[in-house]
Amino acid sequence: VQLVESGGGLVQPGGSLRLSCAASGFTFSSYVMSWYRQPPGKERELVASIGSTGRSTNYADSVKGRFTISRDNAKNTVILQMNSLKPEDTASYYCSTKVSAFSPRSWGQGTQVTVSS
């Protein structure tokens, strides 16, 4: 399993960013994909998940109405569109999946999002 995130950066409060995760090494269209984040000095937390077909999504309460997760199974890509960003959204963002009950969760290398004026 390989997951490569991109799209992070520095943005002002109220701004937007679009994170992308390119997946390979597994049958992408068969698995739930998730975005997690880890703010400085805090534990990693789930931000959003999307089912294998894209029809079902779940969001952390803190991002509902501002973030949208989507996927393109033809391109093996999962997207996190982040709007109305707040300073508290500052974190390293990770793409993740779990392809087997007997294997650990897989992670990308992460991409840094900093929301600051």
N, C-alpha and C. Protein backbone atom coordinates (compact mmCIF):
# COMPACT_ATOMS: atom_id res chain seq x y z
N VAL A 1 0.84 -1.19 0.00
CA VAL A 1 0.00 0.00 0.00
C VAL A 1 0.88 1.24 0.00
N GLN A 2 0.62 2.13 -0.94
CA GLN A 2 1.31 3.42 -0.96
C GLN A 2 0.29 4.54 -1.05
N LEU A 3 0.47 5.52 -0.19
CA LEU A 3 -0.42 6.67 -0.14
C LEU A 3 0.45 7.92 -0.15
N VAL A 4 0.20 8.82 -1.09
CA VAL A 4 1.02 10.02 -1.22
C VAL A 4 0.11 11.23 -1.22
N GLU A 5 0.23 12.05 -0.17
CA GLU A 5 -0.59 13.25 -0.04
C GLU A 5 0.10 14.45 -0.69
N SER A 6 -0.71 15.38 -1.13
CA SER A 6 -0.21 16.65 -1.65
C SER A 6 -1.27 17.72 -1.44
N GLY A 7 -0.85 18.97 -1.59
CA GLY A 7 -1.80 20.07 -1.56
C GLY A 7 -1.80 20.91 -0.30
N GLY A 8 -0.99 20.56 0.69
CA GLY A 8 -0.94 21.36 1.90
C GLY A 8 -0.24 22.69 1.65
N GLY A 9 -0.26 23.54 2.69
CA GLY A 9 0.40 24.83 2.57
C GLY A 9 -0.07 25.81 3.63
N LEU A 10 0.30 27.05 3.43
CA LEU A 10 -0.07 28.14 4.33
C LEU A 10 -1.26 28.90 3.73
N VAL A 11 -2.29 29.10 4.53
CA VAL A 11 -3.48 29.80 4.05
C VAL A 11 -4.01 30.69 5.17
N GLN A 12 -4.63 31.79 4.79
CA GLN A 12 -5.21 32.69 5.77
C GLN A 12 -6.54 32.14 6.29
N PRO A 13 -6.92 32.53 7.50
CA PRO A 13 -8.24 32.12 8.01
C PRO A 13 -9.34 32.51 7.02
N GLY A 14 -10.27 31.58 6.84
CA GLY A 14 -11.34 31.79 5.88
C GLY A 14 -11.02 31.28 4.49
N GLY A 15 -9.78 30.92 4.27
CA GLY A 15 -9.36 30.45 2.96
C GLY A 15 -9.67 28.98 2.73
N SER A 16 -9.21 28.48 1.58
CA SER A 16 -9.48 27.10 1.18
C SER A 16 -8.21 26.41 0.74
N LEU A 17 -8.20 25.11 0.91
CA LEU A 17 -7.15 24.25 0.38
C LEU A 17 -7.78 22.95 -0.09
N ARG A 18 -7.13 22.34 -1.06
CA ARG A 18 -7.59 21.05 -1.58
C ARG A 18 -6.45 20.04 -1.44
N LEU A 19 -6.65 19.07 -0.57
CA LEU A 19 -5.67 18.01 -0.39
C LEU A 19 -6.00 16.83 -1.29
N SER A 20 -4.96 16.21 -1.82
CA SER A 20 -5.13 15.06 -2.69
C SER A 20 -4.28 13.91 -2.17
N CYS A 21 -4.78 12.70 -2.33
CA CYS A 21 -4.04 11.50 -1.94
C CYS A 21 -4.06 10.54 -3.11
N ALA A 22 -2.88 10.21 -3.60
CA ALA A 22 -2.74 9.24 -4.68
C ALA A 22 -2.42 7.88 -4.08
N ALA A 23 -3.24 6.89 -4.39
CA ALA A 23 -3.10 5.57 -3.80
C ALA A 23 -2.64 4.55 -4.83
N SER A 24 -1.86 3.57 -4.38
CA SER A 24 -1.42 2.49 -5.25
C SER A 24 -1.08 1.27 -4.41
N GLY A 25 -0.96 0.14 -5.07
CA GLY A 25 -0.55 -1.08 -4.39
C GLY A 25 -1.68 -1.90 -3.80
N PHE A 26 -2.92 -1.47 -4.03
CA PHE A 26 -4.07 -2.23 -3.56
C PHE A 26 -5.27 -1.88 -4.44
N THR A 27 -6.33 -2.62 -4.29
CA THR A 27 -7.53 -2.39 -5.10
C THR A 27 -8.31 -1.23 -4.48
N PHE A 28 -7.97 -0.05 -4.92
CA PHE A 28 -8.45 1.18 -4.30
C PHE A 28 -9.97 1.21 -4.17
N SER A 29 -10.66 0.80 -5.21
CA SER A 29 -12.11 0.92 -5.25
C SER A 29 -12.83 0.00 -4.26
N SER A 30 -12.09 -0.85 -3.56
CA SER A 30 -12.71 -1.79 -2.63
C SER A 30 -12.68 -1.35 -1.18
N TYR A 31 -12.01 -0.23 -0.90
CA TYR A 31 -11.75 0.11 0.50
C TYR A 31 -12.19 1.52 0.89
N VAL A 32 -12.58 1.61 2.16
CA VAL A 32 -12.84 2.91 2.77
C VAL A 32 -11.53 3.70 2.82
N MET A 33 -11.62 4.97 2.51
CA MET A 33 -10.48 5.87 2.61
C MET A 33 -10.78 6.96 3.62
N SER A 34 -9.75 7.37 4.32
CA SER A 34 -9.95 8.35 5.39
C SER A 34 -8.87 9.41 5.36
N TRP A 35 -9.21 10.56 5.90
CA TRP A 35 -8.24 11.61 6.20
C TRP A 35 -8.20 11.78 7.72
N TYR A 36 -7.00 11.80 8.25
CA TYR A 36 -6.76 12.09 9.66
C TYR A 36 -5.91 13.36 9.73
N ARG A 37 -5.86 13.94 10.90
CA ARG A 37 -4.95 15.07 11.11
C ARG A 37 -4.36 15.01 12.52
N GLN A 38 -3.19 15.59 12.65
CA GLN A 38 -2.52 15.65 13.94
C GLN A 38 -2.03 17.07 14.18
N PRO A 39 -2.75 17.81 15.03
CA PRO A 39 -2.31 19.16 15.37
C PRO A 39 -1.03 19.11 16.19
N PRO A 40 -0.28 20.19 16.24
CA PRO A 40 0.96 20.20 17.02
C PRO A 40 0.70 19.86 18.48
N GLY A 41 1.42 18.88 19.00
CA GLY A 41 1.31 18.52 20.39
C GLY A 41 0.06 17.74 20.78
N LYS A 42 -0.71 17.33 19.78
CA LYS A 42 -1.95 16.61 20.07
C LYS A 42 -1.95 15.26 19.37
N GLU A 43 -2.95 14.44 19.71
CA GLU A 43 -3.07 13.13 19.11
C GLU A 43 -3.70 13.23 17.72
N ARG A 44 -3.44 12.22 16.92
CA ARG A 44 -4.03 12.14 15.60
C ARG A 44 -5.53 11.90 15.73
N GLU A 45 -6.31 12.56 14.89
CA GLU A 45 -7.76 12.42 14.95
C GLU A 45 -8.34 12.22 13.55
N LEU A 46 -9.46 11.51 13.51
CA LEU A 46 -10.15 11.28 12.25
C LEU A 46 -10.87 12.55 11.81
N VAL A 47 -10.67 12.92 10.55
CA VAL A 47 -11.33 14.10 9.99
C VAL A 47 -12.53 13.70 9.15
N ALA A 48 -12.33 12.75 8.23
CA ALA A 48 -13.41 12.35 7.34
C ALA A 48 -13.11 10.99 6.75
N SER A 49 -14.17 10.26 6.42
CA SER A 49 -14.04 8.97 5.75
C SER A 49 -15.04 8.89 4.61
N ILE A 50 -14.71 8.05 3.63
CA ILE A 50 -15.60 7.86 2.49
C ILE A 50 -15.65 6.38 2.14
N GLY A 51 -16.84 5.87 1.89
CA GLY A 51 -16.99 4.48 1.54
C GLY A 51 -16.39 4.15 0.18
N SER A 52 -16.33 2.86 -0.11
CA SER A 52 -15.63 2.40 -1.30
C SER A 52 -16.25 2.93 -2.60
N THR A 53 -17.56 3.12 -2.61
CA THR A 53 -18.22 3.64 -3.82
C THR A 53 -18.32 5.15 -3.83
N GLY A 54 -18.06 5.76 -2.69
CA GLY A 54 -18.19 7.21 -2.60
C GLY A 54 -19.55 7.70 -2.15
N ARG A 55 -20.48 6.76 -1.97
CA ARG A 55 -21.85 7.17 -1.62
C ARG A 55 -22.01 7.52 -0.15
N SER A 56 -21.14 6.99 0.70
CA SER A 56 -21.26 7.27 2.13
C SER A 56 -20.04 8.04 2.63
N THR A 57 -20.29 9.04 3.44
CA THR A 57 -19.22 9.84 4.00
C THR A 57 -19.51 10.11 5.48
N ASN A 58 -18.45 10.33 6.22
CA ASN A 58 -18.57 10.69 7.63
C ASN A 58 -17.55 11.79 7.93
N TYR A 59 -17.92 12.70 8.83
CA TYR A 59 -17.06 13.82 9.16
C TYR A 59 -16.99 14.02 10.66
N ALA A 60 -15.85 14.49 11.12
CA ALA A 60 -15.75 14.96 12.50
C ALA A 60 -16.66 16.18 12.65
N ASP A 61 -17.23 16.33 13.83
CA ASP A 61 -18.13 17.46 14.07
C ASP A 61 -17.44 18.79 13.81
N SER A 62 -16.15 18.84 14.08
CA SER A 62 -15.41 20.10 13.96
C SER A 62 -15.25 20.57 12.52
N VAL A 63 -15.47 19.69 11.54
CA VAL A 63 -15.27 20.08 10.14
C VAL A 63 -16.55 19.98 9.31
N LYS A 64 -17.63 19.50 9.91
CA LYS A 64 -18.88 19.36 9.16
C LYS A 64 -19.33 20.71 8.59
N GLY A 65 -19.72 20.67 7.31
CA GLY A 65 -20.17 21.89 6.65
C GLY A 65 -19.04 22.71 6.06
N ARG A 66 -17.80 22.36 6.39
CA ARG A 66 -16.64 23.11 5.85
C ARG A 66 -15.76 22.25 4.96
N PHE A 67 -15.63 20.98 5.30
CA PHE A 67 -14.77 20.05 4.55
C PHE A 67 -15.64 19.08 3.76
N THR A 68 -15.13 18.67 2.61
CA THR A 68 -15.81 17.67 1.79
C THR A 68 -14.80 16.63 1.31
N ILE A 69 -15.10 15.37 1.59
CA ILE A 69 -14.25 14.28 1.11
C ILE A 69 -14.90 13.68 -0.14
N SER A 70 -14.06 13.33 -1.11
CA SER A 70 -14.55 12.70 -2.33
C SER A 70 -13.47 11.76 -2.86
N ARG A 71 -13.85 10.94 -3.80
CA ARG A 71 -12.88 10.00 -4.37
C ARG A 71 -13.17 9.80 -5.85
N ASP A 72 -12.11 9.44 -6.57
CA ASP A 72 -12.20 9.10 -7.98
C ASP A 72 -11.58 7.72 -8.13
N ASN A 73 -12.44 6.71 -8.22
CA ASN A 73 -11.93 5.34 -8.28
C ASN A 73 -11.23 5.03 -9.60
N ALA A 74 -11.47 5.81 -10.62
CA ALA A 74 -10.78 5.62 -11.88
C ALA A 74 -9.34 6.12 -11.81
N LYS A 75 -9.11 7.08 -10.92
CA LYS A 75 -7.77 7.67 -10.79
C LYS A 75 -7.09 7.29 -9.48
N ASN A 76 -7.73 6.42 -8.69
CA ASN A 76 -7.16 6.00 -7.40
C ASN A 76 -6.77 7.21 -6.54
N THR A 77 -7.70 8.13 -6.44
CA THR A 77 -7.41 9.37 -5.73
C THR A 77 -8.55 9.71 -4.76
N VAL A 78 -8.16 10.23 -3.60
CA VAL A 78 -9.13 10.73 -2.64
C VAL A 78 -8.79 12.19 -2.35
N ILE A 79 -9.81 13.00 -2.30
CA ILE A 79 -9.66 14.44 -2.16
C ILE A 79 -10.29 14.92 -0.86
N LEU A 80 -9.66 15.89 -0.23
CA LEU A 80 -10.28 16.59 0.90
C LEU A 80 -10.30 18.07 0.55
N GLN A 81 -11.50 18.57 0.26
CA GLN A 81 -11.68 19.99 0.00
C GLN A 81 -11.99 20.69 1.32
N MET A 82 -11.15 21.64 1.66
CA MET A 82 -11.26 22.32 2.95
C MET A 82 -11.58 23.79 2.72
N ASN A 83 -12.74 24.22 3.16
CA ASN A 83 -13.16 25.60 3.03
C ASN A 83 -13.32 26.25 4.40
N SER A 84 -13.40 27.55 4.41
CA SER A 84 -13.60 28.31 5.66
C SER A 84 -12.62 27.86 6.74
N LEU A 85 -11.37 27.77 6.36
CA LEU A 85 -10.35 27.24 7.27
C LEU A 85 -10.16 28.14 8.47
N LYS A 86 -9.89 27.49 9.60
CA LYS A 86 -9.69 28.18 10.88
C LYS A 86 -8.28 27.87 11.40
N PRO A 87 -7.74 28.72 12.25
CA PRO A 87 -6.41 28.43 12.82
C PRO A 87 -6.36 27.05 13.50
N GLU A 88 -7.45 26.64 14.08
CA GLU A 88 -7.46 25.33 14.75
C GLU A 88 -7.44 24.15 13.78
N ASP A 89 -7.53 24.42 12.48
CA ASP A 89 -7.36 23.37 11.49
C ASP A 89 -5.89 23.11 11.17
N THR A 90 -5.02 23.92 11.73
CA THR A 90 -3.58 23.72 11.52
C THR A 90 -3.16 22.35 12.03
N ALA A 91 -2.54 21.56 11.16
CA ALA A 91 -2.16 20.19 11.51
C ALA A 91 -1.43 19.56 10.35
N SER A 92 -0.83 18.42 10.62
CA SER A 92 -0.38 17.54 9.54
C SER A 92 -1.56 16.65 9.17
N TYR A 93 -1.84 16.57 7.89
CA TYR A 93 -2.99 15.79 7.40
C TYR A 93 -2.50 14.52 6.72
N TYR A 94 -3.14 13.40 7.08
CA TYR A 94 -2.71 12.09 6.60
C TYR A 94 -3.85 11.36 5.90
N CYS A 95 -3.52 10.77 4.79
CA CYS A 95 -4.42 9.87 4.09
C CYS A 95 -4.22 8.47 4.68
N SER A 96 -5.30 7.70 4.79
CA SER A 96 -5.18 6.40 5.45
C SER A 96 -6.21 5.41 4.94
N THR A 97 -5.84 4.14 5.01
CA THR A 97 -6.77 3.06 4.72
C THR A 97 -6.35 1.82 5.48
N LYS A 98 -7.27 0.88 5.59
CA LYS A 98 -6.97 -0.40 6.25
C LYS A 98 -7.50 -1.50 5.35
N VAL A 99 -6.58 -2.24 4.75
CA VAL A 99 -6.98 -3.19 3.71
C VAL A 99 -7.23 -4.59 4.25
N SER A 100 -6.92 -4.81 5.54
CA SER A 100 -7.13 -6.13 6.11
C SER A 100 -7.32 -6.00 7.60
N ALA A 101 -8.16 -6.87 8.15
CA ALA A 101 -8.33 -6.91 9.61
C ALA A 101 -7.07 -7.40 10.30
N PHE A 102 -6.19 -8.03 9.55
CA PHE A 102 -4.99 -8.63 10.13
C PHE A 102 -3.74 -7.80 9.86
N SER A 103 -3.89 -6.65 9.25
CA SER A 103 -2.74 -5.79 8.99
C SER A 103 -2.99 -4.41 9.60
N PRO A 104 -1.91 -3.71 9.92
CA PRO A 104 -2.08 -2.38 10.52
C PRO A 104 -2.64 -1.39 9.51
N ARG A 105 -3.19 -0.32 10.02
CA ARG A 105 -3.66 0.77 9.16
C ARG A 105 -2.46 1.35 8.40
N SER A 106 -2.69 1.67 7.15
CA SER A 106 -1.65 2.26 6.31
C SER A 106 -1.79 3.77 6.29
N TRP A 107 -0.65 4.45 6.23
CA TRP A 107 -0.62 5.92 6.28
C TRP A 107 0.26 6.48 5.18
N GLY A 108 -0.09 7.67 4.72
CA GLY A 108 0.81 8.41 3.87
C GLY A 108 1.83 9.15 4.72
N GLN A 109 2.67 9.94 4.07
CA GLN A 109 3.72 10.65 4.79
C GLN A 109 3.21 11.93 5.42
N GLY A 110 2.02 12.36 5.01
CA GLY A 110 1.42 13.55 5.59
C GLY A 110 1.73 14.81 4.80
N THR A 111 0.83 15.78 4.92
CA THR A 111 1.04 17.08 4.31
C THR A 111 0.63 18.15 5.33
N GLN A 112 1.44 19.18 5.44
CA GLN A 112 1.22 20.19 6.48
C GLN A 112 0.25 21.26 6.00
N VAL A 113 -0.72 21.55 6.85
CA VAL A 113 -1.67 22.63 6.61
C VAL A 113 -1.51 23.63 7.76
N THR A 114 -1.22 24.87 7.40
CA THR A 114 -1.08 25.93 8.40
C THR A 114 -2.05 27.05 8.07
N VAL A 115 -2.92 27.36 9.03
CA VAL A 115 -3.91 28.43 8.84
C VAL A 115 -3.52 29.57 9.77
N SER A 116 -3.07 30.65 9.16
CA SER A 116 -2.56 31.77 9.95
C SER A 116 -2.59 33.04 9.13
N SER A 117 -2.81 34.15 9.82
CA SER A 117 -2.78 35.44 9.15
C SER A 117 -1.38 36.05 9.25
